[in-house]
Each structure stands twice: as structure tokens, then as C-alpha cells.
C-alpha atoms as a PDB file:
ATOM      1  CA  MET A   1      82.602  95.132 134.123  1.00  0.00           C
ATOM      2  CA  TYR A   2      79.957  92.515 134.244  1.00  0.00           C
ATOM      3  CA  ASN A   3      79.870  89.588 136.413  1.00  0.00           C
ATOM      4  CA  GLU A   4      76.355  88.047 135.838  1.00  0.00           C
ATOM      5  CA  LYS A   5      75.987  84.765 137.894  1.00  0.00           C
ATOM      6  CA  THR A   6      72.558  83.547 136.508  1.00  0.00           C
ATOM      7  CA  TRP A   7      72.141  82.004 132.908  1.00  0.00           C
ATOM      8  CA  LEU A   8      69.447  84.868 132.043  1.00  0.00           C
ATOM      9  CA  GLY A   9      71.955  87.832 133.056  1.00  0.00           C
ATOM     10  CA  LYS A  10      74.835  86.044 130.725  1.00  0.00           C
ATOM     11  CA  THR A  11      72.368  85.767 127.995  1.00  0.00           C
ATOM     12  CA  LYS A  12      71.728  89.460 128.111  1.00  0.00           C
ATOM     13  CA  VAL A  13      75.341  90.462 128.288  1.00  0.00           C
ATOM     14  CA  PHE A  14      75.887  88.167 125.468  1.00  0.00           C
ATOM     15  CA  GLY A  15      72.895  89.780 123.127  1.00  0.00           C
ATOM     16  CA  LEU A  16      74.059  93.049 124.396  1.00  0.00           C
ATOM     17  CA  PHE A  17      77.659  92.689 122.879  1.00  0.00           C
ATOM     18  CA  ALA A  18      78.108  89.731 121.084  1.00  0.00           C
ATOM     19  CA  ALA A  19      74.879  88.531 119.201  1.00  0.00           C
ATOM     20  CA  VAL A  20      74.794  91.283 116.520  1.00  0.00           C
ATOM     21  CA  PRO A  21      78.664  90.704 115.237  1.00  0.00           C
ATOM     22  CA  LEU A  22      78.189  86.976 115.489  1.00  0.00           C
ATOM     23  CA  PHE A  23      75.214  87.236 113.361  1.00  0.00           C
ATOM     24  CA  VAL A  24      76.893  89.353 110.860  1.00  0.00           C
ATOM     25  CA  PHE A  25      79.997  87.170 110.901  1.00  0.00           C
ATOM     26  CA  ILE A  26      77.860  84.029 110.303  1.00  0.00           C
ATOM     27  CA  THR A  27      75.874  85.503 107.500  1.00  0.00           C
ATOM     28  CA  VAL A  28      78.677  87.309 105.593  1.00  0.00           C
ATOM     29  CA  VAL A  29      81.374  84.752 106.265  1.00  0.00           C
ATOM     30  CA  ILE A  30      80.212  81.381 107.413  1.00  0.00           C
ATOM     31  CA  VAL A  31      77.156  80.757 105.457  1.00  0.00           C
ATOM     32  CA  PRO A  32      78.854  82.029 101.876  1.00  0.00           C
ATOM     33  CA  PHE A  33      81.815  79.732 102.685  1.00  0.00           C
ATOM     34  CA  LEU A  34      79.567  76.559 103.405  1.00  0.00           C
ATOM     35  CA  ALA A  35      77.646  77.329 100.244  1.00  0.00           C
ATOM     36  CA  GLY A  36      80.741  77.543  98.167  1.00  0.00           C
ATOM     37  CA  LEU A  37      81.895  74.328  99.756  1.00  0.00           C
ATOM     38  CA  PHE A  38      78.692  72.714  98.766  1.00  0.00           C
ATOM     39  CA  MET A  39      78.762  73.981  95.393  1.00  0.00           C
ATOM     40  CA  THR A  40      82.356  72.136  94.850  1.00  0.00           C
ATOM     41  CA  LEU A  41      80.412  68.905  95.438  1.00  0.00           C
ATOM     42  CA  THR A  42      77.642  69.671  92.491  1.00  0.00           C
ATOM     43  CA  ASN A  43      77.210  70.416  89.056  1.00  0.00           C
ATOM     44  CA  TRP A  44      75.210  73.703  89.658  1.00  0.00           C
ATOM     45  CA  THR A  45      75.701  76.262  86.952  1.00  0.00           C
ATOM     46  CA  GLY A  46      74.080  79.102  88.843  1.00  0.00           C
ATOM     47  CA  THR A  47      70.618  78.515  87.436  1.00  0.00           C
ATOM     48  CA  GLY A  48      68.283  75.349  87.454  1.00  0.00           C
ATOM     49  CA  ASP A  49      68.416  72.257  89.410  1.00  0.00           C
ATOM     50  CA  PHE A  50      71.524  70.248  90.266  1.00  0.00           C
ATOM     51  CA  GLU A  51      72.986  67.037  91.128  1.00  0.00           C
ATOM     52  CA  ILE A  52      75.538  65.898  93.542  1.00  0.00           C
ATOM     53  CA  THR A  53      78.914  64.942  91.610  1.00  0.00           C
ATOM     54  CA  GLY A  54      81.284  64.257  94.413  1.00  0.00           C
ATOM     55  CA  LEU A  55      84.739  65.063  93.982  1.00  0.00           C
ATOM     56  CA  SER A  56      84.860  65.267  90.405  1.00  0.00           C
ATOM     57  CA  ASN A  57      85.106  69.297  90.145  1.00  0.00           C
ATOM     58  CA  TYR A  58      88.328  68.600  92.622  1.00  0.00           C
ATOM     59  CA  ALA A  59      89.620  66.425  90.035  1.00  0.00           C
ATOM     60  CA  THR A  60      88.954  68.472  87.030  1.00  0.00           C
ATOM     61  CA  ALA A  61      90.763  71.382  88.747  1.00  0.00           C
ATOM     62  CA  LEU A  62      93.772  69.611  89.861  1.00  0.00           C
ATOM     63  CA  GLN A  63      93.985  68.083  86.292  1.00  0.00           C
ATOM     64  CA  ASP A  64      93.785  71.899  84.732  1.00  0.00           C
ATOM     65  CA  SER A  65      97.755  72.465  83.628  1.00  0.00           C
ATOM     66  CA  VAL A  66      96.680  76.013  83.386  1.00  0.00           C
ATOM     67  CA  PHE A  67      95.478  76.203  87.211  1.00  0.00           C
ATOM     68  CA  TRP A  68      98.911  74.970  88.185  1.00  0.00           C
ATOM     69  CA  ASN A  69     100.812  77.402  85.979  1.00  0.00           C
ATOM     70  CA  SER A  70      98.545  80.153  87.725  1.00  0.00           C
ATOM     71  CA  ILE A  71      99.562  78.784  90.962  1.00  0.00           C
ATOM     72  CA  TRP A  72     103.249  78.817  90.248  1.00  0.00           C
ATOM     73  CA  LEU A  73     103.089  82.050  88.731  1.00  0.00           C
ATOM     74  CA  THR A  74     101.483  83.335  91.923  1.00  0.00           C
ATOM     75  CA  LEU A  75     103.829  81.657  94.206  1.00  0.00           C
ATOM     76  CA  LYS A  76     106.770  83.492  92.418  1.00  0.00           C
ATOM     77  CA  TYR A  77     104.787  86.915  92.585  1.00  0.00           C
ATOM     78  CA  VAL A  78     104.349  86.348  96.255  1.00  0.00           C
ATOM     79  CA  PHE A  79     107.819  85.582  96.868  1.00  0.00           C
ATOM     80  CA  PHE A  80     109.257  88.476  94.948  1.00  0.00           C
ATOM     81  CA  THR A  81     106.650  90.840  96.428  1.00  0.00           C
ATOM     82  CA  LEU A  82     106.889  89.546  99.983  1.00  0.00           C
ATOM     83  CA  VAL A  83     110.870  90.199 100.091  1.00  0.00           C
ATOM     84  CA  LEU A  84     110.988  93.436  98.260  1.00  0.00           C
ATOM     85  CA  THR A  85     107.926  94.955  99.804  1.00  0.00           C
ATOM     86  CA  ASN A  86     109.246  94.296 103.347  1.00  0.00           C
ATOM     87  CA  VAL A  87     113.064  95.117 102.705  1.00  0.00           C
ATOM     88  CA  ILE A  88     112.064  98.323 101.122  1.00  0.00           C
ATOM     89  CA  GLY A  89     109.236  98.987 103.670  1.00  0.00           C
ATOM     90  CA  PHE A  90     111.540  98.565 106.642  1.00  0.00           C
ATOM     91  CA  ALA A  91     114.452 100.705 104.809  1.00  0.00           C
ATOM     92  CA  LEU A  92     111.741 103.348 104.563  1.00  0.00           C
ATOM     93  CA  ALA A  93     110.749 103.358 108.113  1.00  0.00           C
ATOM     94  CA  LEU A  94     114.431 103.380 109.206  1.00  0.00           C
ATOM     95  CA  LEU A  95     114.734 106.592 106.949  1.00  0.00           C
ATOM     96  CA  VAL A  96     111.761 108.499 108.187  1.00  0.00           C
ATOM     97  CA  THR A  97     112.451 107.759 111.867  1.00  0.00           C
ATOM     98  CA  SER A  98     116.415 108.851 111.881  1.00  0.00           C
ATOM     99  CA  GLY A  99     115.494 112.619 112.463  1.00  0.00           C
ATOM    100  CA  LEU A 100     115.374 113.481 108.796  1.00  0.00           C
ATOM    101  CA  ARG A 101     114.088 116.981 108.013  1.00  0.00           C
ATOM    102  CA  SER A 102     110.366 116.839 106.917  1.00  0.00           C
ATOM    103  CA  GLN A 103     109.971 113.342 107.681  1.00  0.00           C
ATOM    104  CA  ASN A 104     106.307 113.572 108.094  1.00  0.00           C
ATOM    105  CA  PHE A 105     106.083 114.648 104.672  1.00  0.00           C
ATOM    106  CA  PHE A 106     108.168 111.887 103.459  1.00  0.00           C
ATOM    107  CA  ARG A 107     105.886 109.442 105.549  1.00  0.00           C
ATOM    108  CA  ALA A 108     102.764 110.749 103.834  1.00  0.00           C
ATOM    109  CA  GLY A 109     104.448 110.734 100.149  1.00  0.00           C
ATOM    110  CA  PHE A 110     105.741 107.008 100.774  1.00  0.00           C
ATOM    111  CA  PHE A 111     101.965 105.805 102.054  1.00  0.00           C
ATOM    112  CA  THR A 112     100.195 107.569  99.106  1.00  0.00           C
ATOM    113  CA  PRO A 113     100.289 104.920  96.579  1.00  0.00           C
ATOM    114  CA  ASN A 114      98.335 102.714  98.993  1.00  0.00           C
ATOM    115  CA  LEU A 115      95.499 105.022  98.786  1.00  0.00           C
ATOM    116  CA  ILE A 116      95.110 104.709  95.234  1.00  0.00           C
ATOM    117  CA  GLY A 117      92.712 101.848  94.027  1.00  0.00           C
ATOM    118  CA  GLY A 118      94.402  98.955  92.030  1.00  0.00           C
ATOM    119  CA  ILE A 119      92.288  99.592  88.969  1.00  0.00           C
ATOM    120  CA  ILE A 120      93.357 103.189  88.804  1.00  0.00           C
ATOM    121  CA  LEU A 121      96.845 102.123  89.777  1.00  0.00           C
ATOM    122  CA  GLY A 122      97.266  99.589  87.054  1.00  0.00           C
ATOM    123  CA  PHE A 123      96.149 102.054  84.286  1.00  0.00           C
ATOM    124  CA  VAL A 124      98.619 104.615  85.786  1.00  0.00           C
ATOM    125  CA  TRP A 125     101.515 102.265  85.576  1.00  0.00           C
ATOM    126  CA  GLN A 126     100.082 100.864  82.197  1.00  0.00           C
ATOM    127  CA  PHE A 127     100.637 104.303  80.608  1.00  0.00           C
ATOM    128  CA  ILE A 128     104.026 104.401  82.327  1.00  0.00           C
ATOM    129  CA  PHE A 129     105.231 101.111  80.911  1.00  0.00           C
ATOM    130  CA  THR A 130     103.880 101.471  77.314  1.00  0.00           C
ATOM    131  CA  ARG A 131     104.418 105.171  76.771  1.00  0.00           C
ATOM    132  CA  VAL A 132     106.900 107.149  79.255  1.00  0.00           C
ATOM    133  CA  LEU A 133     109.530 104.155  79.656  1.00  0.00           C
ATOM    134  CA  VAL A 134     109.497 103.331  76.082  1.00  0.00           C
ATOM    135  CA  SER A 135     110.107 107.008  74.990  1.00  0.00           C
ATOM    136  CA  LEU A 136     112.913 107.318  77.677  1.00  0.00           C
ATOM    137  CA  GLY A 137     114.235 103.703  76.391  1.00  0.00           C
ATOM    138  CA  THR A 138     114.075 105.280  72.892  1.00  0.00           C
ATOM    139  CA  GLU A 139     115.677 108.742  73.462  1.00  0.00           C
ATOM    140  CA  PHE A 140     118.393 107.421  75.503  1.00  0.00           C
ATOM    141  CA  ASN A 141     119.193 104.340  73.972  1.00  0.00           C
ATOM    142  CA  LEU A 142     118.150 102.240  77.040  1.00  0.00           C
ATOM    143  CA  GLY A 143     117.547  98.544  76.068  1.00  0.00           C
ATOM    144  CA  ILE A 144     115.548  97.479  78.875  1.00  0.00           C
ATOM    145  CA  PHE A 145     113.059 100.133  78.061  1.00  0.00           C
ATOM    146  CA  SER A 146     113.275  99.898  74.109  1.00  0.00           C
ATOM    147  CA  SER A 147     110.010  98.227  74.081  1.00  0.00           C
ATOM    148  CA  SER A 148     106.847  97.879  76.358  1.00  0.00           C
ATOM    149  CA  TRP A 149     107.303  95.394  79.516  1.00  0.00           C
ATOM    150  CA  LEU A 150     103.482  94.660  78.932  1.00  0.00           C
ATOM    151  CA  ALA A 151     104.001  93.152  75.655  1.00  0.00           C
ATOM    152  CA  ASP A 152     106.722  90.790  76.641  1.00  0.00           C
ATOM    153  CA  PRO A 153     105.517  87.512  78.311  1.00  0.00           C
ATOM    154  CA  GLY A 154     108.694  87.573  80.613  1.00  0.00           C
ATOM    155  CA  MET A 155     108.660  91.349  81.577  1.00  0.00           C
ATOM    156  CA  ALA A 156     105.064  91.636  82.184  1.00  0.00           C
ATOM    157  CA  PHE A 157     105.607  89.566  85.049  1.00  0.00           C
ATOM    158  CA  TRP A 158     108.117  91.776  86.648  1.00  0.00           C
ATOM    159  CA  SER A 159     105.794  94.948  85.879  1.00  0.00           C
ATOM    160  CA  LEU A 160     103.086  93.449  88.317  1.00  0.00           C
ATOM    161  CA  VAL A 161     105.901  93.009  90.870  1.00  0.00           C
ATOM    162  CA  VAL A 162     106.938  96.496  90.459  1.00  0.00           C
ATOM    163  CA  VAL A 163     103.469  97.887  90.974  1.00  0.00           C
ATOM    164  CA  GLY A 164     102.760  95.560  93.668  1.00  0.00           C
ATOM    165  CA  VAL A 165     105.897  96.511  95.561  1.00  0.00           C
ATOM    166  CA  TRP A 166     105.000 100.304  94.919  1.00  0.00           C
ATOM    167  CA  GLN A 167     101.588 100.235  96.320  1.00  0.00           C
ATOM    168  CA  ASN A 168     102.354  98.069  99.522  1.00  0.00           C
ATOM    169  CA  ALA A 169     105.760  99.225 100.502  1.00  0.00           C
ATOM    170  CA  GLY A 170     104.543 102.461 101.929  1.00  0.00           C
ATOM    171  CA  TYR A 171     101.868 100.704 104.244  1.00  0.00           C
ATOM    172  CA  MET A 172     104.214  98.074 105.512  1.00  0.00           C
ATOM    173  CA  MET A 173     106.450 100.949 106.187  1.00  0.00           C
ATOM    174  CA  LEU A 174     103.815 102.415 108.994  1.00  0.00           C
ATOM    175  CA  ILE A 175     103.857  99.301 110.647  1.00  0.00           C
ATOM    176  CA  TYR A 176     107.660  99.216 110.925  1.00  0.00           C
ATOM    177  CA  ILE A 177     107.847 102.710 112.087  1.00  0.00           C
ATOM    178  CA  ALA A 178     105.072 101.534 114.853  1.00  0.00           C
ATOM    179  CA  GLY A 179     107.520  99.090 115.654  1.00  0.00           C
ATOM    180  CA  LEU A 180     110.624 101.040 115.634  1.00  0.00           C
ATOM    181  CA  THR A 181     109.192 103.780 117.781  1.00  0.00           C
ATOM    182  CA  GLY A 182     107.978 101.477 120.316  1.00  0.00           C
ATOM    183  CA  ILE A 183     111.337 100.299 121.257  1.00  0.00           C
ATOM    184  CA  SER A 184     112.408 101.685 124.397  1.00  0.00           C
ATOM    185  CA  GLU A 185     114.928 104.564 124.317  1.00  0.00           C
ATOM    186  CA  SER A 186     116.952 103.276 127.161  1.00  0.00           C
ATOM    187  CA  LEU A 187     118.112 100.481 125.085  1.00  0.00           C
ATOM    188  CA  THR A 188     119.533 102.267 122.635  1.00  0.00           C
ATOM    189  CA  GLU A 189     121.276 104.847 125.063  1.00  0.00           C
ATOM    190  CA  ALA A 190     122.723 102.007 126.826  1.00  0.00           C
ATOM    191  CA  ALA A 191     123.749 100.516 123.640  1.00  0.00           C
ATOM    192  CA  ASN A 192     125.305 103.897 122.791  1.00  0.00           C
ATOM    193  CA  LEU A 193     127.070 104.002 126.008  1.00  0.00           C
ATOM    194  CA  ASP A 194     128.832 100.619 125.113  1.00  0.00           C
ATOM    195  CA  GLY A 195     130.230 101.702 121.982  1.00  0.00           C
ATOM    196  CA  ALA A 196     127.691  99.632 119.875  1.00  0.00           C
ATOM    197  CA  SER A 197     127.749 100.731 116.147  1.00  0.00           C
ATOM    198  CA  TYR A 198     124.713 101.527 114.228  1.00  0.00           C
ATOM    199  CA  TRP A 199     124.846  98.051 112.616  1.00  0.00           C
ATOM    200  CA  LYS A 200     125.191  96.266 115.892  1.00  0.00           C
ATOM    201  CA  GLN A 201     122.311  98.195 117.247  1.00  0.00           C
ATOM    202  CA  LEU A 202     119.949  97.388 114.372  1.00  0.00           C
ATOM    203  CA  THR A 203     120.866  93.738 114.032  1.00  0.00           C
ATOM    204  CA  ARG A 204     120.914  92.946 117.696  1.00  0.00           C
ATOM    205  CA  ILE A 205     118.469  94.973 119.386  1.00  0.00           C
ATOM    206  CA  ARG A 206     115.934  96.672 117.106  1.00  0.00           C
ATOM    207  CA  ILE A 207     115.147  93.873 114.519  1.00  0.00           C
ATOM    208  CA  PRO A 208     114.860  91.112 117.518  1.00  0.00           C
ATOM    209  CA  LEU A 209     112.593  93.347 118.954  1.00  0.00           C
ATOM    210  CA  MET A 210     110.579  94.155 115.846  1.00  0.00           C
ATOM    211  CA  VAL A 211     109.663  90.636 115.152  1.00  0.00           C
ATOM    212  CA  PRO A 212     105.955  91.234 115.993  1.00  0.00           C
ATOM    213  CA  ALA A 213     105.908  94.071 113.366  1.00  0.00           C
ATOM    214  CA  PHE A 214     107.711  91.681 110.931  1.00  0.00           C
ATOM    215  CA  THR A 215     104.933  89.091 111.469  1.00  0.00           C
ATOM    216  CA  ILE A 216     101.852  91.336 110.841  1.00  0.00           C
ATOM    217  CA  SER A 217     103.716  92.705 107.657  1.00  0.00           C
ATOM    218  CA  LEU A 218     104.589  89.532 106.376  1.00  0.00           C
ATOM    219  CA  PHE A 219     101.077  88.018 106.958  1.00  0.00           C
ATOM    220  CA  LEU A 220      99.580  91.252 105.419  1.00  0.00           C
ATOM    221  CA  THR A 221     102.002  90.979 102.371  1.00  0.00           C
ATOM    222  CA  LEU A 222     101.184  87.237 101.736  1.00  0.00           C
ATOM    223  CA  GLN A 223      97.489  87.984 102.030  1.00  0.00           C
ATOM    224  CA  ARG A 224      97.472  90.728  99.577  1.00  0.00           C
ATOM    225  CA  SER A 225      99.806  89.133  97.063  1.00  0.00           C
ATOM    226  CA  PHE A 226      97.975  85.799  96.977  1.00  0.00           C
ATOM    227  CA  MET A 227      94.599  87.810  96.699  1.00  0.00           C
ATOM    228  CA  VAL A 228      95.815  90.316  93.888  1.00  0.00           C
ATOM    229  CA  TYR A 229      93.347  90.727  91.303  1.00  0.00           C
ATOM    230  CA  ASP A 230      92.601  94.362  90.500  1.00  0.00           C
ATOM    231  CA  THR A 231      96.137  95.463  89.359  1.00  0.00           C
ATOM    232  CA  ASN A 232      96.219  92.067  87.405  1.00  0.00           C
ATOM    233  CA  LEU A 233      93.126  93.036  85.611  1.00  0.00           C
ATOM    234  CA  SER A 234      93.952  96.778  84.839  1.00  0.00           C
ATOM    235  CA  LEU A 235      97.648  96.548  84.149  1.00  0.00           C
ATOM    236  CA  THR A 236      97.883  93.065  81.908  1.00  0.00           C
ATOM    237  CA  LYS A 237      94.592  91.581  81.991  1.00  0.00           C
ATOM    238  CA  GLY A 238      96.393  88.211  82.522  1.00  0.00           C
ATOM    239  CA  GLY A 239      98.345  88.482  79.117  1.00  0.00           C
ATOM    240  CA  PRO A 240     100.306  88.362  76.730  1.00  0.00           C
ATOM    241  CA  TYR A 241      99.163  84.723  76.249  1.00  0.00           C
ATOM    242  CA  ARG A 242      97.735  84.434  79.654  1.00  0.00           C
ATOM    243  CA  SER A 243     101.348  84.495  81.116  1.00  0.00           C
ATOM    244  CA  THR A 244     100.541  86.696  83.774  1.00  0.00           C
ATOM    245  CA  GLU A 245      97.001  85.356  85.042  1.00  0.00           C
ATOM    246  CA  MET A 246      97.404  85.238  88.662  1.00  0.00           C
ATOM    247  CA  ILE A 247      95.522  82.426  90.637  1.00  0.00           C
ATOM    248  CA  ALA A 248      92.616  85.049  91.708  1.00  0.00           C
ATOM    249  CA  MET A 249      91.990  86.113  88.113  1.00  0.00           C
ATOM    250  CA  HIS A 250      92.351  82.572  86.963  1.00  0.00           C
ATOM    251  CA  VAL A 251      89.455  81.331  89.592  1.00  0.00           C
ATOM    252  CA  TYR A 252      87.374  84.395  88.303  1.00  0.00           C
ATOM    253  CA  ASN A 253      87.563  83.668  84.732  1.00  0.00           C
ATOM    254  CA  GLU A 254      86.997  79.847  85.185  1.00  0.00           C
ATOM    255  CA  ALA A 255      83.870  80.650  87.294  1.00  0.00           C
ATOM    256  CA  PHE A 256      82.333  83.807  85.798  1.00  0.00           C
ATOM    257  CA  VAL A 257      83.581  84.050  82.243  1.00  0.00           C
ATOM    258  CA  TYR A 258      83.908  80.538  81.249  1.00  0.00           C
ATOM    259  CA  GLN A 259      80.760  79.654  83.874  1.00  0.00           C
ATOM    260  CA  ASN A 260      82.462  76.554  85.066  1.00  0.00           C
ATOM    261  CA  TYR A 261      81.385  77.216  88.705  1.00  0.00           C
ATOM    262  CA  GLY A 262      81.705  73.773  90.156  1.00  0.00           C
ATOM    263  CA  PRO A 263      85.544  73.563  89.291  1.00  0.00           C
ATOM    264  CA  GLY A 264      86.173  77.303  89.653  1.00  0.00           C
ATOM    265  CA  GLN A 265      84.810  77.027  93.170  1.00  0.00           C
ATOM    266  CA  ALA A 266      86.824  73.961  93.883  1.00  0.00           C
ATOM    267  CA  LYS A 267      89.971  76.032  92.715  1.00  0.00           C
ATOM    268  CA  ALA A 268      89.078  78.705  95.089  1.00  0.00           C
ATOM    269  CA  PHE A 269      88.916  76.263  97.790  1.00  0.00           C
ATOM    270  CA  VAL A 270      92.307  74.665  97.009  1.00  0.00           C
ATOM    271  CA  LEU A 271      93.519  78.322  96.709  1.00  0.00           C
ATOM    272  CA  PHE A 272      92.155  78.863 100.362  1.00  0.00           C
ATOM    273  CA  LEU A 273      93.806  75.817 101.587  1.00  0.00           C
ATOM    274  CA  ILE A 274      97.262  76.642 100.308  1.00  0.00           C
ATOM    275  CA  VAL A 275      96.934  80.497 101.510  1.00  0.00           C
ATOM    276  CA  ALA A 276      95.687  79.330 104.907  1.00  0.00           C
ATOM    277  CA  LEU A 277      98.557  76.625 105.249  1.00  0.00           C
ATOM    278  CA  ILE A 278     101.356  79.132 104.476  1.00  0.00           C
ATOM    279  CA  ALA A 279      99.826  81.760 106.758  1.00  0.00           C
ATOM    280  CA  ILE A 280      99.648  79.389 109.536  1.00  0.00           C
ATOM    281  CA  LEU A 281     103.075  78.020 109.000  1.00  0.00           C
ATOM    282  CA  GLN A 282     104.499  81.773 108.816  1.00  0.00           C
ATOM    283  CA  VAL A 283     103.029  82.906 111.834  1.00  0.00           C
ATOM    284  CA  ARG A 284     103.809  79.960 114.005  1.00  0.00           C
ATOM    285  CA  ALA A 285     107.640  80.377 112.692  1.00  0.00           C
ATOM    286  CA  MET A 286     107.604  84.087 113.698  1.00  0.00           C
ATOM    287  CA  LYS A 287     106.102  83.446 116.944  1.00  0.00           C
ATOM    288  CA  LYS A 288     109.076  81.162 117.866  1.00  0.00           C
ATOM    289  CA  VAL A 289     111.634  83.801 117.291  1.00  0.00           C
ATOM    290  CA  GLU A 290     109.918  86.788 119.224  1.00  0.00           C
ATOM    291  CA  VAL A 291     111.746  88.213 121.889  1.00  0.00           C
ATOM    292  CA  GLU A 292     110.820  90.551 124.988  1.00  0.00           C
ATOM    293  CA  ALA A 293     112.615  93.643 125.940  1.00  0.00           C
END
């Protein structure tokens, strides 16, 4: 414990523990953020001189219908992956904490998809959707798998949802396991003595006490779903006909493929504001329903 009284002593302690992390945070996060924000106000193309153009890049970004289509598509993707990932993750956590034989094996198995990189995962599922499922659909006359989902603009979206849920549910399962094992056994034993059913114990004891775990899981799912790019790239490449171009891919294409740096950066900043607003509202709403044991 440090109880420095003098300015010099406090400066030494600050330099010892906080100066290096603060320097890294400023150079890696703050400076690029401010530089990107400044780029939205210029016509810089990556090289040469530039001029200040005011808010024209924001006006261009907000008038782009493809941008809003990507925003809407991403919001749909976030909603379905948020619900399905956390419902399945919570169900898996209940399953592997129920005293099931070989539960450690199942925990490792359910978590494994999270260890696979998004690019590789996308190629694996691309093979499944275009070859494996189509073969099964043809062999067993299953209409839903008669053709590749990735070639259908409507079904390609759901292929992204399936892969996103499959990848992230195991990770959220670990957070829910930590929440479930952190509940005092005395509470469930008292509930058993009072004759409370499993469902009542789950809905009136476990779930209310696990709100902090839900807060973390929902926040992480929101962040991952909004920022999804690698799976989008390797699985669908935004196709067919840009029908699955999520907002992260749209921003990347705008800035680096079409070389519209200013509008691309402006769209990235708008995306940042949307994600920050939703994340703040989500955390504040969940904090209000937290209870203590």
C-alpha cells in the first residue's frame, strides 16, 4: 500500500504503475480515434493534401441507402444472435452444471467453436451449407436443404445467424457457469426444504441472482454481433447481391475497396455512436434489475 503525501512521491507512484498503460492507451486508442474523427471532416484520400469539408462526409453517409440497408440488416442479425446465443448458452450452462456424467468433456466440446478463427469457421460452414446439407436434402428429399442457403438472399442471412450462434454460445456458457456456481448452495437447499420445484428455483432464485452474468453476456454478444466481419467475409462475402453485407463489411468496403475514406470513416463513427448508445442503455437497464443474495 502506498500512502505518498508529497507531489513528488505521488508522481513516482503514478509513473511506476500508470504511466506505461496510460501511454499505450492514448497511442493505441485515443490518438487513432481522434485522427479518424478528424478524417471525417476532410476530403483526404490517404495520400497528398487535403481540405476541410465540414460535415459533407456525414451528409454523404446518411444519404446512402446501402448504408442504411446494412444497418438494418445488422440490427436484425444482432437481435437474433443476441437472443439465440444467450438462450442456448444459458441452457448449456444449466445442462453441464446439473451433475451430468462427463460434464467437463461437454464443457470443452461446447466451448471449442469459440477457439476457431472466424475465417476458418466461415469456410468450414461454407462447405457444410453448399455440400453437406445439399447432399442430405437431395438424399432424404428435404426441401429446406434442396439448394444451398448461401445462394438464396433470404436464407444466406440465416446461415450467418446459425454460424454466429454456434460460435459464441459456448463462450457465453462459461460466463453462465460462473454465475450458476457462484450462487450459494444454502439458498437452493432452503428452497428444497420448502418444497420449491426446479422451475420455481430457476425463475425466482437462480435467474434473479444471475443478472450480473446476463449483463456481461449480453454486452459481449452485442459487441461481437455488431463487429462481425471475418465470418461475413469468408462465409458469404456480403452476397448474394450484397444481401448479407453487414455494417462492418460495408464500412471496410467503402473506405478501402472503393477508397471513399471520408464517407467510410463517417459511417464508422455513426456505427460507433449506435453501438455505444445501445450498450449504455443495455448496461443501465440490467443494473436496475440486479439483486443481492
